Amino acid sequence: MRAIQIFDDIQQVYIDFIANRQYPRLESLNNWGKNRFFFSQYFRMIEDWHLTEQIVIEFNQQFYSLDTGTAPDFMDQDKYMAWLMEQLQILK
């Protein structure tokens, strides 16, 4: 697993994830499924903390509870990355 330490790393693995043909067809997953599948590939997830649309991940030794119910379409890179930056409290 690639070490993800800065937001640029997240953007790169997102691009790689979208382009990777080894994964099941992303179109067959709903937005929550796409989020969960993506985060499970690149982040430590806290399974017992999640509620229906909540996904808890570890990034830079901090835990973040992501409300995927508010997430834009996973396949819309610009909107999705802006949402994720906000969720991870990253300032531009």
Protein backbone atom coordinates (compact mmCIF):
# COMPACT_ATOMS: atom_id res chain seq x y z
CA MET A 1 0.00 0.00 0.00
CA ARG A 2 1.31 3.41 -0.96
CA ALA A 3 2.00 5.82 1.92
CA ILE A 4 -0.40 8.73 1.75
CA GLN A 5 0.94 11.70 3.66
CA ILE A 6 -0.25 14.81 1.85
CA PHE A 7 -3.36 15.76 -0.08
CA ASP A 8 -1.49 15.60 -3.41
CA ASP A 9 -0.93 11.90 -2.66
CA ILE A 10 -4.69 11.46 -2.25
CA GLN A 11 -5.33 13.19 -5.56
CA GLN A 12 -2.84 10.90 -7.30
CA VAL A 13 -4.22 7.66 -5.85
CA TYR A 14 -7.74 8.87 -6.74
CA ILE A 15 -6.67 9.34 -10.37
CA ASP A 16 -4.95 5.94 -10.34
CA PHE A 17 -8.02 4.33 -8.75
CA ILE A 18 -10.39 5.76 -11.36
CA ALA A 19 -8.10 4.63 -14.19
CA ASN A 20 -7.31 1.14 -12.83
CA ARG A 21 -9.05 -1.57 -14.83
CA GLN A 22 -8.34 -4.30 -12.23
CA TYR A 23 -11.16 -3.18 -9.97
CA PRO A 24 -14.79 -4.09 -10.53
CA ARG A 25 -16.62 -1.64 -12.72
CA LEU A 26 -17.12 1.43 -10.56
CA GLU A 27 -20.32 2.20 -12.44
CA SER A 28 -21.91 -0.82 -10.76
CA LEU A 29 -21.41 0.72 -7.30
CA ASN A 30 -23.49 3.48 -5.73
CA ASN A 31 -21.72 6.61 -4.47
CA TRP A 32 -21.27 5.18 -0.95
CA GLY A 33 -19.85 1.97 -2.40
CA LYS A 34 -17.35 3.87 -4.53
CA ASN A 35 -16.25 5.90 -1.49
CA ARG A 36 -15.94 2.85 0.73
CA PHE A 37 -14.06 0.86 -1.89
CA PHE A 38 -11.64 3.75 -2.55
CA PHE A 39 -10.94 4.43 1.12
CA SER A 40 -10.53 0.73 1.92
CA GLN A 41 -7.78 0.51 -0.72
CA TYR A 42 -5.66 3.40 0.54
CA PHE A 43 -6.52 4.18 4.17
CA ARG A 44 -6.89 2.46 7.48
CA MET A 45 -10.61 2.36 8.12
CA ILE A 46 -12.25 2.04 11.53
CA GLU A 47 -15.00 -0.46 10.86
CA ASP A 48 -16.86 -0.32 14.14
CA TRP A 49 -17.25 3.46 14.10
CA HIS A 50 -19.24 3.80 10.91
CA LEU A 51 -22.91 4.51 10.67
CA THR A 52 -24.89 4.13 7.49
CA GLU A 53 -23.16 6.89 5.51
CA GLN A 54 -20.23 7.57 7.83
CA ILE A 55 -16.78 6.28 6.94
CA VAL A 56 -13.96 6.78 9.44
CA ILE A 57 -10.44 6.83 8.04
CA GLU A 58 -7.00 7.54 9.40
CA PHE A 59 -4.96 10.17 7.57
CA ASN A 60 -1.70 11.58 8.96
CA GLN A 61 -2.27 9.89 12.31
CA GLN A 62 -5.66 11.55 12.77
CA PHE A 63 -9.10 10.07 12.39
CA TYR A 64 -11.70 11.69 10.18
CA SER A 65 -15.37 10.82 10.05
CA LEU A 66 -16.51 11.39 6.49
CA ASP A 67 -20.21 11.87 5.87
CA THR A 68 -20.48 10.29 2.44
CA GLY A 69 -24.14 11.28 2.35
CA THR A 70 -22.95 14.82 1.60
CA ALA A 71 -20.32 13.71 -0.94
CA PRO A 72 -20.72 14.79 -4.55
CA ASP A 73 -20.57 12.19 -7.30
CA PHE A 74 -17.37 10.20 -6.74
CA MET A 75 -16.58 10.33 -10.46
CA ASP A 76 -16.68 14.16 -10.58
CA GLN A 77 -13.02 14.76 -9.73
CA ASP A 78 -13.12 18.53 -9.15
CA LYS A 79 -16.17 18.53 -6.91
CA TYR A 80 -15.13 15.35 -5.13
CA MET A 81 -11.60 16.57 -4.34
CA ALA A 82 -12.99 19.91 -3.06
CA TRP A 83 -15.40 18.01 -0.79
CA LEU A 84 -12.65 15.69 0.46
CA MET A 85 -10.33 18.63 1.21
CA GLU A 86 -13.10 20.17 3.27
CA GLN A 87 -13.75 16.89 5.11
CA LEU A 88 -10.06 16.53 5.91
CA GLN A 89 -9.86 20.18 6.96
CA ILE A 90 -7.11 20.96 4.46
CA LEU A 91 -6.65 24.62 3.64
CA LYS A 92 -5.64 25.64 0.14
